[in-house]
Amino acid sequence: MKRYVTLLRNEPLLRRLSLIQLLAYFGAWFSNVAIYTLLIQMGADAATIALVAALHFLPGVFQAPLSGVILDRIHPKRLMIFLTLIEILCTLSLISVDNVGMLWLLYVLVFIRMGASSFHFTVEMSLLPRILEGKSLQTANEIHSIIWSLSYTLGMALSGLVVYWVGVTTAFLLDAGLFVIVLILASTLKIEIELSENSAKFTAMMKEAFVYIRNNPVVYHLMILHAILGFTAFDALVALAAKQYYSQIIAVSLGIGLLNAARAFGLVIGPIVLGHWINNARLGWLFFAEAGAIALWALLIDNFYGSLIASVAVGFVTTTLWSYTYTLLQHHTQSDFYGRVIAYNDMVFLGVGAFVSLLIGYLAVLGMTLGMITLILGGVFLIAAFYYEWVRRTYELKEFE
């Protein structure tokens, strides 16, 4: 914990960005419980819930080729202000959705809103390697992952309580207010960086980035390894479990909120415990541990209290896997390509998340138990452990100094 405090104290820009991250990500997750609760109240089936979960990931997939070029040409402060305005407008517009006939509007608003949110995320992640390097960059990524997890924890938990006590509409109004604060903070940022003076056309810059990735196999292998974390896109699974197993014990909104909060508690404490321990040689063991934790959840998913415990174990490993694989990619990417490589990496990661969300809904509609679906997702991390060991033996991965 001391190294996080020291870095934040010595880096005022990182400190301000971290505060913006905390509020922006909190806002992004705060209204999610309201959205899923609204769907369940309207009688949405498993396929519809899974589609909405997928819409949280798909925008980043479609916009990545363009956003990567934009990141390398437009100042991040201007982008953050513009994207926050979009999030405010879309969040307020969600209030108008109140029946199944307006599901089309919900789809559109979630798609646009999460597109802005994922772009905002990519802006900040492409900015970090421009202002930090080495161990400081690894620590900054861990801080970022803790902030994301803390926002996820508080956002889901508090939203569950707000929806339960005062309803969906109030949750959306409060969420929009948070984004207004983010807008004010972003407008006062002082970011002094130099973007590469690349006057090439957008299409040429896209092609240049794809050629760079193709010619650097360690980069695309690291992108694949990071994308595997998309198999922890459990939003649809949690919503379905709350509806199917826990609704007799607890209100659906509270069930969704508490289960996500338990997992996010593990996400917060994971890097604090594992941050000093993790290195290139040990990363494979974390993939094994994630597989085991998800398998435990698969066995306990029909038990609400057992699921809470298993969710903490799942989250405990996930954050360090996420932050370390992200740092490895940044560390092995040439600075002129930061924006585009990070954007394309997020495209692959979000594409996997969207696929997993749809897969969960499809398998549930076919009649597969939620426990078996969860076990399948955990098996992917077992494969990933062997895949990483192959990458480490085939390519020379640089350690952080």
Protein backbone atom coordinates (compact mmCIF):
# COMPACT_ATOMS: atom_id res chain seq x y z
CA MET A 1 0.00 0.00 0.00
CA LYS A 2 2.90 2.37 0.79
CA ARG A 3 4.16 2.31 -2.82
CA TYR A 4 0.72 3.38 -4.08
CA VAL A 5 0.61 6.33 -1.68
CA THR A 6 4.18 7.35 -2.56
CA LEU A 7 3.53 7.31 -6.29
CA LEU A 8 0.31 9.29 -5.96
CA ARG A 9 2.06 11.83 -3.74
CA ASN A 10 4.91 12.28 -6.25
CA GLU A 11 2.75 12.36 -9.40
CA PRO A 12 0.07 15.10 -9.19
CA LEU A 13 -1.29 14.35 -12.67
CA LEU A 14 -1.72 10.67 -11.81
CA ARG A 15 -3.42 11.72 -8.57
CA ARG A 16 -5.98 13.85 -10.44
CA LEU A 17 -6.49 11.18 -13.11
CA SER A 18 -7.07 8.61 -10.37
CA LEU A 19 -9.82 10.74 -8.84
CA ILE A 20 -11.47 11.11 -12.25
CA GLN A 21 -11.16 7.36 -12.77
CA LEU A 22 -12.79 6.66 -9.41
CA LEU A 23 -15.82 8.84 -10.15
CA ALA A 24 -16.14 7.94 -13.85
CA TYR A 25 -15.99 4.19 -13.28
CA PHE A 26 -18.26 4.44 -10.26
CA GLY A 27 -20.76 6.24 -12.49
CA ALA A 28 -20.39 3.65 -15.26
CA TRP A 29 -21.28 0.79 -12.91
CA PHE A 30 -23.72 2.60 -10.61
CA SER A 31 -26.69 2.45 -12.99
CA ASN A 32 -25.97 -1.12 -14.14
CA VAL A 33 -27.98 -2.67 -11.31
CA ALA A 34 -30.82 -0.29 -12.20
CA ILE A 35 -30.67 -1.43 -15.84
CA TYR A 36 -30.74 -5.16 -15.00
CA THR A 37 -33.43 -4.63 -12.36
CA LEU A 38 -35.51 -2.74 -14.92
CA LEU A 39 -35.13 -5.60 -17.40
CA ILE A 40 -36.22 -8.18 -14.84
CA GLN A 41 -39.17 -6.01 -13.78
CA MET A 42 -40.26 -5.82 -17.43
CA GLY A 43 -40.09 -9.62 -17.72
CA ALA A 44 -37.02 -9.82 -19.97
CA ASP A 45 -35.81 -13.34 -20.76
CA ALA A 46 -32.24 -14.71 -20.48
CA ALA A 47 -31.40 -13.85 -24.10
CA THR A 48 -32.40 -10.19 -23.63
CA ILE A 49 -30.41 -9.86 -20.41
CA ALA A 50 -27.38 -11.41 -22.11
CA LEU A 51 -27.75 -9.05 -25.09
CA VAL A 52 -27.75 -6.00 -22.82
CA ALA A 53 -24.66 -7.36 -21.05
CA ALA A 54 -22.99 -7.80 -24.46
CA LEU A 55 -23.88 -4.22 -25.40
CA HIS A 56 -21.63 -3.08 -22.57
CA PHE A 57 -18.68 -4.50 -24.53
CA LEU A 58 -19.55 -4.25 -28.23
CA PRO A 59 -19.08 -0.46 -28.68
CA GLY A 60 -15.39 -0.74 -27.81
CA VAL A 61 -15.00 -3.44 -30.46
CA PHE A 62 -16.48 -1.38 -33.27
CA GLN A 63 -14.87 1.94 -32.42
CA ALA A 64 -11.34 0.70 -31.66
CA PRO A 65 -9.81 1.06 -35.17
CA LEU A 66 -10.93 4.70 -35.29
CA SER A 67 -10.36 5.51 -31.60
CA GLY A 68 -6.79 4.21 -31.73
CA VAL A 69 -5.87 6.75 -34.40
CA ILE A 70 -7.76 9.52 -32.58
CA LEU A 71 -5.78 8.78 -29.40
CA ASP A 72 -2.50 9.33 -31.25
CA ARG A 73 -3.68 12.61 -32.81
CA ILE A 74 -6.09 14.44 -30.43
CA HIS A 75 -5.22 15.70 -26.94
CA PRO A 76 -6.63 13.43 -24.19
CA LYS A 77 -8.19 16.29 -22.21
CA ARG A 78 -10.44 17.28 -25.12
CA LEU A 79 -11.48 13.66 -25.58
CA MET A 80 -12.31 13.18 -21.88
CA ILE A 81 -14.55 16.26 -21.80
CA PHE A 82 -16.43 15.24 -24.95
CA LEU A 83 -16.93 11.64 -23.81
CA THR A 84 -18.19 12.70 -20.37
CA LEU A 85 -20.85 14.92 -22.00
CA ILE A 86 -22.09 11.90 -23.95
CA GLU A 87 -22.29 9.82 -20.76
CA ILE A 88 -24.36 12.52 -19.03
CA LEU A 89 -26.87 12.77 -21.89
CA CYS A 90 -27.29 9.01 -22.29
CA THR A 91 -27.68 8.38 -18.55
CA LEU A 92 -30.44 11.00 -18.27
CA SER A 93 -32.18 9.56 -21.34
CA LEU A 94 -32.42 6.12 -19.71
CA ILE A 95 -35.14 7.54 -17.45
CA SER A 96 -37.56 7.48 -20.40
CA VAL A 97 -37.38 3.66 -20.75
CA ASP A 98 -40.31 2.20 -18.79
CA ASN A 99 -41.80 -0.68 -20.84
CA VAL A 100 -40.81 -3.55 -23.10
CA GLY A 101 -41.81 -1.57 -26.18
CA MET A 102 -38.92 0.80 -25.48
CA LEU A 103 -36.25 -1.86 -25.29
CA TRP A 104 -34.85 -0.61 -28.60
CA LEU A 105 -34.08 2.75 -26.96
CA LEU A 106 -32.44 1.00 -24.01
CA TYR A 107 -30.20 -0.91 -26.43
CA VAL A 108 -29.19 2.30 -28.25
CA LEU A 109 -28.50 4.27 -25.08
CA VAL A 110 -26.49 1.48 -23.43
CA PHE A 111 -24.49 1.03 -26.64
CA ILE A 112 -23.63 4.74 -26.97
CA ARG A 113 -23.05 5.27 -23.25
CA MET A 114 -20.72 2.29 -22.87
CA GLY A 115 -18.95 3.28 -26.09
CA ALA A 116 -18.10 6.60 -24.47
CA SER A 117 -17.14 4.87 -21.22
CA SER A 118 -14.81 2.35 -22.90
CA PHE A 119 -13.24 5.13 -24.99
CA HIS A 120 -12.69 7.14 -21.79
CA PHE A 121 -10.98 4.10 -20.29
CA THR A 122 -8.74 3.72 -23.35
CA VAL A 123 -7.80 7.42 -23.24
CA GLU A 124 -6.49 7.07 -19.69
CA MET A 125 -4.72 3.75 -20.27
CA SER A 126 -2.91 5.12 -23.35
CA LEU A 127 -1.93 8.21 -21.35
CA LEU A 128 -0.25 6.32 -18.48
CA PRO A 129 2.75 5.00 -20.48
CA ARG A 130 3.31 8.55 -21.80
CA ILE A 131 3.83 9.91 -18.28
CA LEU A 132 5.27 6.87 -16.43
CA GLU A 133 7.52 3.89 -17.11
CA GLY A 134 8.95 0.72 -15.56
CA LYS A 135 7.87 -0.14 -12.01
CA SER A 136 6.01 3.18 -11.72
CA LEU A 137 3.87 2.18 -14.69
CA GLN A 138 3.17 -1.24 -13.16
CA THR A 139 2.19 0.41 -9.87
CA ALA A 140 -0.02 2.94 -11.70
CA ASN A 141 -1.80 0.10 -13.50
CA GLU A 142 -2.35 -1.63 -10.16
CA ILE A 143 -3.76 1.61 -8.73
CA HIS A 144 -6.01 1.87 -11.76
CA SER A 145 -7.23 -1.72 -11.34
CA ILE A 146 -7.91 -1.13 -7.62
CA ILE A 147 -9.84 2.04 -8.47
CA TRP A 148 -11.85 0.17 -11.12
CA SER A 149 -12.59 -2.59 -8.61
CA LEU A 150 -13.45 -0.16 -5.82
CA SER A 151 -15.77 1.72 -8.18
CA TYR A 152 -17.31 -1.57 -9.22
CA THR A 153 -17.75 -2.59 -5.57
CA LEU A 154 -19.31 0.66 -4.39
CA GLY A 155 -21.21 1.25 -7.62
CA MET A 156 -22.90 -2.14 -7.65
CA ALA A 157 -23.51 -2.31 -3.90
CA LEU A 158 -24.84 1.23 -3.45
CA SER A 159 -26.87 1.05 -6.64
CA GLY A 160 -28.53 -2.11 -5.37
CA LEU A 161 -29.53 -0.27 -2.20
CA VAL A 162 -30.66 2.87 -4.07
CA VAL A 163 -32.78 0.88 -6.52
CA TYR A 164 -34.30 -1.11 -3.66
CA TRP A 165 -35.11 1.98 -1.57
CA VAL A 166 -36.02 4.72 -4.06
CA GLY A 167 -36.26 3.12 -7.50
CA VAL A 168 -34.61 3.03 -10.90
CA THR A 169 -35.24 6.66 -11.90
CA THR A 170 -33.42 8.10 -8.87
CA ALA A 171 -30.44 5.86 -9.58
CA PHE A 172 -30.15 7.28 -13.11
CA LEU A 173 -30.42 10.88 -11.83
CA LEU A 174 -27.71 10.34 -9.21
CA ASP A 175 -25.52 8.70 -11.82
CA ALA A 176 -25.80 11.67 -14.17
CA GLY A 177 -24.81 13.97 -11.27
CA LEU A 178 -21.58 11.99 -10.81
CA PHE A 179 -20.66 12.51 -14.45
CA VAL A 180 -21.19 16.26 -14.03
CA ILE A 181 -18.50 16.20 -11.31
CA VAL A 182 -16.22 14.22 -13.66
CA LEU A 183 -16.78 16.87 -16.35
CA ILE A 184 -15.71 19.66 -13.98
CA LEU A 185 -12.57 17.79 -12.91
CA ALA A 186 -11.59 16.89 -16.49
CA SER A 187 -11.95 20.50 -17.64
CA THR A 188 -9.34 21.61 -15.06
CA LEU A 189 -6.71 18.98 -15.96
CA LYS A 190 -3.22 20.10 -17.01
CA ILE A 191 -1.76 17.43 -19.29
CA GLU A 192 1.59 18.35 -20.84
CA ILE A 193 2.44 15.69 -23.41
CA GLU A 194 3.59 15.74 -27.01
CA LEU A 195 1.66 13.64 -29.48
CA SER A 196 3.57 12.22 -32.44
CA GLU A 197 3.28 14.46 -35.48
CA ASN A 198 1.86 11.90 -37.85
CA SER A 199 0.13 13.59 -40.76
CA ALA A 200 -0.88 10.35 -42.43
CA LYS A 201 -4.53 9.62 -43.17
CA PHE A 202 -6.60 7.68 -40.67
CA THR A 203 -6.66 4.58 -42.85
CA ALA A 204 -2.90 4.68 -43.29
CA MET A 205 -2.35 4.97 -39.54
CA MET A 206 -4.70 2.04 -38.92
CA LYS A 207 -2.81 -0.08 -41.44
CA GLU A 208 0.51 0.99 -39.94
CA ALA A 209 -0.59 -0.20 -36.49
CA PHE A 210 -1.83 -3.56 -37.78
CA VAL A 211 1.49 -4.07 -39.59
CA TYR A 212 3.37 -3.20 -36.40
CA ILE A 213 1.36 -5.73 -34.38
CA ARG A 214 1.78 -8.41 -37.05
CA ASN A 215 5.55 -7.87 -37.14
CA ASN A 216 5.85 -8.06 -33.36
CA PRO A 217 4.38 -11.44 -32.33
CA VAL A 218 5.04 -10.88 -28.63
CA VAL A 219 2.62 -7.94 -28.81
CA TYR A 220 -0.28 -9.92 -30.25
CA HIS A 221 0.35 -12.85 -27.92
CA LEU A 222 0.16 -10.46 -24.96
CA MET A 223 -3.04 -8.99 -26.42
CA ILE A 224 -4.57 -12.48 -26.53
CA LEU A 225 -3.48 -13.23 -22.96
CA HIS A 226 -5.04 -10.01 -21.71
CA ALA A 227 -8.21 -10.66 -23.72
CA ILE A 228 -8.69 -13.95 -21.90
CA LEU A 229 -9.70 -11.84 -18.89
CA GLY A 230 -12.83 -11.10 -20.92
CA PHE A 231 -14.02 -14.55 -19.79
CA THR A 232 -14.69 -12.94 -16.40
CA ALA A 233 -17.55 -10.93 -17.96
CA PHE A 234 -20.02 -12.34 -15.44
CA ASP A 235 -22.73 -9.63 -15.51
CA ALA A 236 -25.28 -11.78 -17.34
CA LEU A 237 -24.40 -14.80 -15.20
CA VAL A 238 -24.89 -12.83 -11.97
CA ALA A 239 -28.23 -11.38 -13.13
CA LEU A 240 -29.50 -14.81 -14.17
CA ALA A 241 -28.34 -16.40 -10.89
CA ALA A 242 -30.10 -13.68 -8.89
CA LYS A 243 -33.28 -14.28 -10.87
CA GLN A 244 -33.13 -18.09 -10.82
CA TYR A 245 -31.60 -18.98 -7.44
CA TYR A 246 -31.65 -16.02 -5.04
CA SER A 247 -34.97 -14.24 -5.63
CA GLN A 248 -36.63 -16.31 -2.89
CA ILE A 249 -33.99 -15.18 -0.39
CA ILE A 250 -33.33 -11.56 -1.30
CA ALA A 251 -34.62 -8.84 -3.66
CA VAL A 252 -33.14 -9.22 -7.14
CA SER A 253 -31.49 -5.78 -7.13
CA LEU A 254 -29.85 -6.48 -3.77
CA GLY A 255 -28.76 -9.94 -4.90
CA ILE A 256 -27.07 -8.55 -8.01
CA GLY A 257 -25.45 -5.75 -6.04
CA LEU A 258 -24.14 -7.89 -3.19
CA LEU A 259 -22.78 -10.66 -5.41
CA ASN A 260 -20.90 -8.16 -7.58
CA ALA A 261 -19.74 -6.32 -4.47
CA ALA A 262 -18.31 -9.55 -3.01
CA ARG A 263 -16.37 -10.25 -6.19
CA ALA A 264 -15.16 -6.68 -6.33
CA PHE A 265 -13.98 -6.85 -2.71
CA GLY A 266 -11.63 -9.58 -3.88
CA LEU A 267 -10.65 -7.41 -6.84
CA VAL A 268 -9.62 -4.60 -4.48
CA ILE A 269 -7.52 -6.62 -2.03
CA GLY A 270 -5.93 -8.89 -4.67
CA PRO A 271 -3.24 -6.52 -6.01
CA ILE A 272 -2.48 -5.20 -2.53
CA VAL A 273 -1.52 -8.74 -1.49
CA LEU A 274 -0.11 -10.04 -4.79
CA GLY A 275 1.48 -6.87 -6.23
CA HIS A 276 4.92 -7.49 -4.66
CA TRP A 277 4.82 -11.21 -5.42
CA ILE A 278 3.87 -11.24 -9.10
CA ASN A 279 6.51 -11.42 -11.84
CA ASN A 280 6.87 -13.00 -15.26
CA ALA A 281 7.82 -16.41 -13.87
CA ARG A 282 4.81 -16.55 -11.53
CA LEU A 283 2.09 -15.21 -13.83
CA GLY A 284 1.18 -18.70 -15.09
CA TRP A 285 0.30 -19.78 -11.55
CA LEU A 286 -2.24 -16.97 -11.32
CA PHE A 287 -4.03 -18.30 -14.41
CA PHE A 288 -4.21 -21.70 -12.66
CA ALA A 289 -5.54 -20.02 -9.50
CA GLU A 290 -8.24 -18.19 -11.48
CA ALA A 291 -9.37 -21.47 -13.02
CA GLY A 292 -9.66 -23.01 -9.54
CA ALA A 293 -11.55 -20.06 -8.09
CA ILE A 294 -14.11 -20.04 -10.92
CA ALA A 295 -14.53 -23.81 -10.57
CA LEU A 296 -15.31 -23.27 -6.87
CA TRP A 297 -17.95 -20.70 -7.80
CA ALA A 298 -19.45 -23.16 -10.31
CA LEU A 299 -19.97 -25.67 -7.48
CA LEU A 300 -21.57 -23.07 -5.16
CA ILE A 301 -23.48 -20.85 -7.58
CA ASP A 302 -26.93 -22.11 -6.57
CA ASN A 303 -26.20 -21.16 -2.95
CA PHE A 304 -26.32 -17.40 -2.34
CA TYR A 305 -23.97 -17.34 0.65
CA GLY A 306 -21.57 -19.82 -0.94
CA SER A 307 -21.53 -17.68 -4.06
CA LEU A 308 -20.55 -14.64 -2.02
CA ILE A 309 -17.50 -16.45 -0.65
CA ALA A 310 -16.51 -17.92 -4.02
CA SER A 311 -16.91 -14.53 -5.71
CA VAL A 312 -14.32 -13.01 -3.37
CA ALA A 313 -11.87 -15.76 -4.40
CA VAL A 314 -12.53 -15.13 -8.10
CA GLY A 315 -11.99 -11.39 -7.74
CA PHE A 316 -8.85 -11.83 -5.62
CA VAL A 317 -6.93 -13.21 -8.60
CA THR A 318 -8.58 -11.31 -11.46
CA THR A 319 -7.27 -7.79 -10.80
CA THR A 320 -3.61 -8.78 -10.67
CA LEU A 321 -3.98 -10.85 -13.84
CA TRP A 322 -5.62 -7.88 -15.55
CA SER A 323 -3.10 -5.22 -14.44
CA TYR A 324 0.02 -7.34 -14.99
CA THR A 325 -0.90 -8.51 -18.51
CA TYR A 326 -1.83 -4.90 -19.38
CA THR A 327 1.52 -3.64 -18.10
CA LEU A 328 3.37 -6.32 -20.04
CA LEU A 329 1.69 -5.13 -23.23
CA GLN A 330 2.47 -1.46 -22.55
CA HIS A 331 6.06 -2.40 -21.69
CA HIS A 332 6.57 -4.20 -25.02
CA THR A 333 4.91 -1.53 -27.22
CA GLN A 334 6.77 1.26 -29.02
CA SER A 335 5.69 4.70 -27.78
CA ASP A 336 4.46 5.97 -31.19
CA PHE A 337 1.90 3.15 -31.21
CA TYR A 338 0.60 3.42 -27.62
CA GLY A 339 -2.82 4.79 -28.56
CA ARG A 340 -3.51 2.40 -31.40
CA VAL A 341 -2.15 -0.75 -29.75
CA ILE A 342 -4.02 -0.05 -26.51
CA ALA A 343 -7.22 0.64 -28.49
CA TYR A 344 -6.88 -2.57 -30.51
CA ASN A 345 -6.08 -4.49 -27.34
CA ASP A 346 -9.27 -3.17 -25.77
CA MET A 347 -11.12 -4.10 -28.97
CA VAL A 348 -10.07 -7.74 -28.60
CA PHE A 349 -10.73 -7.76 -24.84
CA LEU A 350 -14.19 -6.22 -25.21
CA GLY A 351 -14.98 -8.51 -28.13
CA VAL A 352 -14.27 -11.51 -25.90
CA GLY A 353 -16.44 -9.98 -23.16
CA ALA A 354 -19.32 -9.49 -25.58
CA PHE A 355 -18.94 -13.05 -26.89
CA VAL A 356 -18.94 -14.46 -23.35
CA SER A 357 -22.06 -12.48 -22.42
CA LEU A 358 -23.94 -13.77 -25.46
CA LEU A 359 -22.62 -17.30 -24.88
CA ILE A 360 -23.95 -17.30 -21.31
CA GLY A 361 -27.42 -16.31 -22.54
CA TYR A 362 -27.36 -18.81 -25.41
CA LEU A 363 -26.30 -21.74 -23.21
CA ALA A 364 -28.89 -20.77 -20.57
CA VAL A 365 -31.66 -20.72 -23.21
CA LEU A 366 -30.52 -24.19 -24.34
CA GLY A 367 -31.08 -25.41 -20.78
CA MET A 368 -27.50 -25.73 -19.54
CA THR A 369 -27.20 -25.13 -15.82
CA LEU A 370 -25.49 -21.95 -14.64
CA GLY A 371 -22.99 -24.09 -12.74
CA MET A 372 -21.89 -25.89 -15.90
CA ILE A 373 -21.64 -22.58 -17.80
CA THR A 374 -19.41 -21.19 -15.05
CA LEU A 375 -17.23 -24.32 -15.10
CA ILE A 376 -16.68 -23.90 -18.85
CA LEU A 377 -15.52 -20.31 -18.33
CA GLY A 378 -13.10 -21.46 -15.66
CA GLY A 379 -11.64 -24.08 -18.00
CA VAL A 380 -10.48 -21.33 -20.36
CA PHE A 381 -8.07 -20.08 -17.69
CA LEU A 382 -6.59 -23.56 -17.32
CA ILE A 383 -5.77 -23.48 -21.05
CA ALA A 384 -4.45 -19.92 -20.67
CA ALA A 385 -1.94 -21.04 -18.03
CA PHE A 386 -0.28 -23.43 -20.48
CA TYR A 387 -0.50 -20.87 -23.28
CA TYR A 388 1.32 -18.25 -21.19
CA GLU A 389 4.09 -20.70 -20.30
CA TRP A 390 4.57 -21.37 -24.02
CA VAL A 391 4.79 -17.61 -24.73
CA ARG A 392 7.30 -17.10 -21.91
CA ARG A 393 9.54 -19.88 -23.20
CA THR A 394 9.26 -18.83 -26.85
CA TYR A 395 9.79 -15.07 -26.44
CA GLU A 396 12.00 -13.03 -24.13
CA LEU A 397 9.63 -11.05 -21.91
CA LYS A 398 11.20 -7.97 -20.32
CA GLU A 399 11.00 -7.64 -16.56
CA PHE A 400 9.95 -4.32 -15.00
CA GLU A 401 12.74 -2.23 -13.49
